[in-house]
N, C-alpha and C. Protein backbone atom coordinates (compact mmCIF):
# COMPACT_ATOMS: atom_id res chain seq x y z
N MET A 1 0.85 -1.16 0.00
CA MET A 1 0.00 0.00 0.00
C MET A 1 0.90 1.23 0.00
N GLY A 2 0.73 2.07 -0.99
CA GLY A 2 1.57 3.26 -1.12
C GLY A 2 1.01 4.44 -0.35
N VAL A 3 1.60 5.58 -0.64
CA VAL A 3 1.18 6.83 0.02
C VAL A 3 -0.27 7.13 -0.31
N GLY A 4 -0.69 6.90 -1.53
CA GLY A 4 -2.08 7.15 -1.92
C GLY A 4 -3.05 6.27 -1.15
N GLY A 5 -2.68 5.03 -0.93
CA GLY A 5 -3.52 4.11 -0.16
C GLY A 5 -3.67 4.56 1.28
N TRP A 6 -2.58 5.00 1.88
CA TRP A 6 -2.64 5.50 3.25
C TRP A 6 -3.49 6.77 3.33
N THR A 7 -3.34 7.63 2.34
CA THR A 7 -4.13 8.87 2.31
C THR A 7 -5.62 8.54 2.25
N TRP A 8 -6.01 7.63 1.35
CA TRP A 8 -7.42 7.27 1.23
C TRP A 8 -7.93 6.58 2.49
N MET A 9 -7.10 5.80 3.16
CA MET A 9 -7.52 5.16 4.40
C MET A 9 -7.77 6.20 5.49
N ILE A 10 -6.91 7.21 5.58
CA ILE A 10 -7.10 8.28 6.55
C ILE A 10 -8.37 9.06 6.24
N VAL A 11 -8.58 9.38 4.97
CA VAL A 11 -9.79 10.10 4.56
C VAL A 11 -11.03 9.28 4.92
N PHE A 12 -10.98 7.97 4.66
CA PHE A 12 -12.10 7.10 4.96
C PHE A 12 -12.43 7.12 6.45
N TRP A 13 -11.42 6.96 7.32
CA TRP A 13 -11.68 6.91 8.75
C TRP A 13 -12.11 8.26 9.32
N VAL A 14 -11.59 9.34 8.77
CA VAL A 14 -12.04 10.67 9.19
C VAL A 14 -13.51 10.83 8.82
N ALA A 15 -13.89 10.37 7.63
CA ALA A 15 -15.30 10.45 7.22
C ALA A 15 -16.19 9.60 8.10
N VAL A 16 -15.73 8.41 8.48
CA VAL A 16 -16.52 7.54 9.35
C VAL A 16 -16.72 8.20 10.72
N VAL A 17 -15.67 8.73 11.29
CA VAL A 17 -15.76 9.39 12.59
C VAL A 17 -16.68 10.61 12.49
N ALA A 18 -16.54 11.40 11.43
CA ALA A 18 -17.40 12.57 11.25
C ALA A 18 -18.86 12.16 11.13
N LEU A 19 -19.14 11.08 10.42
CA LEU A 19 -20.50 10.59 10.27
C LEU A 19 -21.07 10.13 11.61
N VAL A 20 -20.28 9.45 12.42
CA VAL A 20 -20.73 9.01 13.73
C VAL A 20 -21.01 10.21 14.64
N VAL A 21 -20.12 11.18 14.64
CA VAL A 21 -20.32 12.38 15.46
C VAL A 21 -21.57 13.12 15.02
N TRP A 22 -21.76 13.26 13.72
CA TRP A 22 -22.96 13.92 13.20
C TRP A 22 -24.22 13.16 13.62
N GLY A 23 -24.21 11.84 13.50
CA GLY A 23 -25.36 11.03 13.87
C GLY A 23 -25.71 11.14 15.34
N VAL A 24 -24.71 11.10 16.20
CA VAL A 24 -24.94 11.22 17.63
C VAL A 24 -25.46 12.62 17.97
N SER A 25 -24.94 13.64 17.33
CA SER A 25 -25.42 15.00 17.60
C SER A 25 -26.86 15.19 17.14
N ARG A 26 -27.27 14.48 16.11
CA ARG A 26 -28.67 14.55 15.66
C ARG A 26 -29.59 13.79 16.61
N LEU A 27 -29.12 12.70 17.20
CA LEU A 27 -29.93 11.93 18.13
C LEU A 27 -30.11 12.64 19.47
N PHE A 28 -29.08 13.35 19.90
CA PHE A 28 -29.10 14.04 21.19
C PHE A 28 -28.80 15.52 20.98
N PRO A 29 -29.79 16.29 20.50
CA PRO A 29 -29.52 17.71 20.24
C PRO A 29 -29.27 18.48 21.54
N ALA A 30 -28.47 19.52 21.43
CA ALA A 30 -28.16 20.35 22.60
C ALA A 30 -29.41 21.12 23.01
N ARG A 31 -29.56 21.28 24.30
CA ARG A 31 -30.70 22.05 24.80
C ARG A 31 -30.35 23.52 24.76
N ARG A 32 -31.27 24.29 24.23
CA ARG A 32 -31.07 25.72 24.11
C ARG A 32 -31.42 26.39 25.43
N VAL A 33 -30.55 27.26 25.88
CA VAL A 33 -30.77 28.02 27.12
C VAL A 33 -31.53 29.28 26.74
N PRO A 34 -32.67 29.54 27.39
CA PRO A 34 -33.43 30.74 27.05
C PRO A 34 -32.67 32.00 27.45
N SER A 35 -32.88 33.04 26.68
CA SER A 35 -32.21 34.31 26.99
C SER A 35 -32.88 34.96 28.20
N ALA A 36 -32.21 35.94 28.75
CA ALA A 36 -32.75 36.65 29.91
C ALA A 36 -34.07 37.33 29.55
N TRP A 37 -34.17 37.83 28.33
CA TRP A 37 -35.40 38.49 27.89
C TRP A 37 -36.55 37.49 27.79
N GLU A 38 -36.27 36.27 27.32
CA GLU A 38 -37.31 35.24 27.24
C GLU A 38 -37.78 34.81 28.63
N VAL A 39 -36.85 34.70 29.56
CA VAL A 39 -37.21 34.34 30.94
C VAL A 39 -38.07 35.44 31.55
N LEU A 40 -37.68 36.67 31.33
CA LEU A 40 -38.43 37.81 31.86
C LEU A 40 -39.84 37.85 31.27
N ASP A 41 -39.96 37.63 29.96
CA ASP A 41 -41.28 37.60 29.31
C ASP A 41 -42.15 36.49 29.89
N ALA A 42 -41.55 35.32 30.13
CA ALA A 42 -42.30 34.19 30.68
C ALA A 42 -42.76 34.48 32.11
N ARG A 43 -41.92 35.14 32.88
CA ARG A 43 -42.30 35.49 34.26
C ARG A 43 -43.46 36.46 34.28
N LEU A 44 -43.47 37.42 33.35
CA LEU A 44 -44.59 38.36 33.25
C LEU A 44 -45.85 37.62 32.82
N ALA A 45 -45.73 36.76 31.83
CA ALA A 45 -46.89 36.03 31.31
C ALA A 45 -47.50 35.11 32.36
N SER A 46 -46.67 34.54 33.24
CA SER A 46 -47.18 33.62 34.26
C SER A 46 -47.73 34.37 35.48
N GLY A 47 -47.53 35.68 35.53
CA GLY A 47 -48.02 36.46 36.66
C GLY A 47 -47.06 36.49 37.83
N GLU A 48 -45.85 36.00 37.62
CA GLU A 48 -44.86 35.97 38.69
C GLU A 48 -44.38 37.38 39.06
N ILE A 49 -44.34 38.27 38.07
CA ILE A 49 -43.96 39.66 38.31
C ILE A 49 -45.03 40.57 37.72
N ASP A 50 -45.12 41.79 38.25
CA ASP A 50 -46.10 42.74 37.73
C ASP A 50 -45.49 43.57 36.60
N PRO A 51 -46.34 44.27 35.82
CA PRO A 51 -45.81 45.04 34.68
C PRO A 51 -44.78 46.11 35.06
N ALA A 52 -44.93 46.72 36.23
CA ALA A 52 -43.96 47.74 36.64
C ALA A 52 -42.58 47.12 36.87
N THR A 53 -42.55 45.99 37.55
CA THR A 53 -41.28 45.29 37.77
C THR A 53 -40.70 44.83 36.45
N TYR A 54 -41.57 44.35 35.56
CA TYR A 54 -41.13 43.91 34.23
C TYR A 54 -40.42 45.04 33.50
N ARG A 55 -41.02 46.24 33.52
CA ARG A 55 -40.42 47.37 32.81
C ARG A 55 -39.06 47.75 33.41
N VAL A 56 -38.96 47.74 34.73
CA VAL A 56 -37.69 48.07 35.38
C VAL A 56 -36.62 47.06 34.99
N LEU A 57 -36.96 45.76 35.07
CA LEU A 57 -35.97 44.73 34.74
C LEU A 57 -35.64 44.75 33.26
N ARG A 58 -36.62 44.99 32.41
CA ARG A 58 -36.37 45.06 30.97
C ARG A 58 -35.43 46.22 30.63
N ASP A 59 -35.67 47.37 31.27
CA ASP A 59 -34.78 48.52 31.05
C ASP A 59 -33.36 48.21 31.51
N GLU A 60 -33.24 47.50 32.64
CA GLU A 60 -31.91 47.13 33.14
C GLU A 60 -31.21 46.19 32.16
N LEU A 61 -31.96 45.21 31.63
CA LEU A 61 -31.37 44.29 30.65
C LEU A 61 -30.94 45.03 29.38
N ASP A 62 -31.79 45.94 28.92
CA ASP A 62 -31.44 46.70 27.72
C ASP A 62 -30.21 47.57 27.95
N ALA A 63 -30.12 48.20 29.12
CA ALA A 63 -28.95 49.03 29.45
C ALA A 63 -27.70 48.17 29.54
N THR A 64 -27.86 46.97 30.10
CA THR A 64 -26.73 46.06 30.23
C THR A 64 -26.21 45.65 28.86
N ARG A 65 -27.14 45.33 27.96
CA ARG A 65 -26.75 44.91 26.62
C ARG A 65 -26.02 46.04 25.88
N LEU A 66 -26.52 47.25 26.02
CA LEU A 66 -25.92 48.38 25.32
C LEU A 66 -24.55 48.75 25.89
N SER A 67 -24.38 48.61 27.21
CA SER A 67 -23.10 48.99 27.82
C SER A 67 -22.08 47.86 27.76
N GLY A 68 -22.55 46.62 27.55
CA GLY A 68 -21.64 45.49 27.48
C GLY A 68 -21.20 44.96 28.83
N ARG A 69 -21.79 45.46 29.91
CA ARG A 69 -21.41 44.97 31.23
C ARG A 69 -22.26 43.78 31.63
N VAL A 70 -21.80 43.03 32.61
CA VAL A 70 -22.50 41.83 33.08
C VAL A 70 -23.52 42.28 34.14
N PRO A 71 -24.78 41.83 34.03
CA PRO A 71 -25.77 42.23 35.03
C PRO A 71 -25.45 41.65 36.41
N GLN A 72 -25.75 42.41 37.45
CA GLN A 72 -25.45 41.99 38.81
C GLN A 72 -26.67 41.39 39.50
N GLY A 73 -27.79 41.32 38.84
CA GLY A 73 -29.01 40.79 39.45
C GLY A 73 -30.10 41.82 39.38
N PRO A 74 -31.30 41.45 39.81
CA PRO A 74 -32.41 42.40 39.74
C PRO A 74 -32.22 43.54 40.72
N PRO A 75 -32.78 44.68 40.38
CA PRO A 75 -32.68 45.83 41.29
C PRO A 75 -33.44 45.55 42.58
N ALA A 76 -32.96 46.15 43.66
CA ALA A 76 -33.63 45.95 44.96
C ALA A 76 -34.97 46.68 44.95
N GLY A 77 -35.93 46.07 45.65
CA GLY A 77 -37.19 46.78 45.79
C GLY A 77 -38.36 46.07 45.26
């Protein structure tokens, strides 16, 4: 088996491994983590928070996104 044979064998096994990885990833898809805005919307919809609190937290999230800083948690009160 020459250099070409070894090359094709490597290509074959890389393809087999890639196919197995692809198949497993399709069987067990990653769970998507909801964004902070989606969690906030769900909390308002379920009645967990009132509209005034929703607006305050939404404004804080928007300000955080625009400034690029990491949120420290909900405002006190």
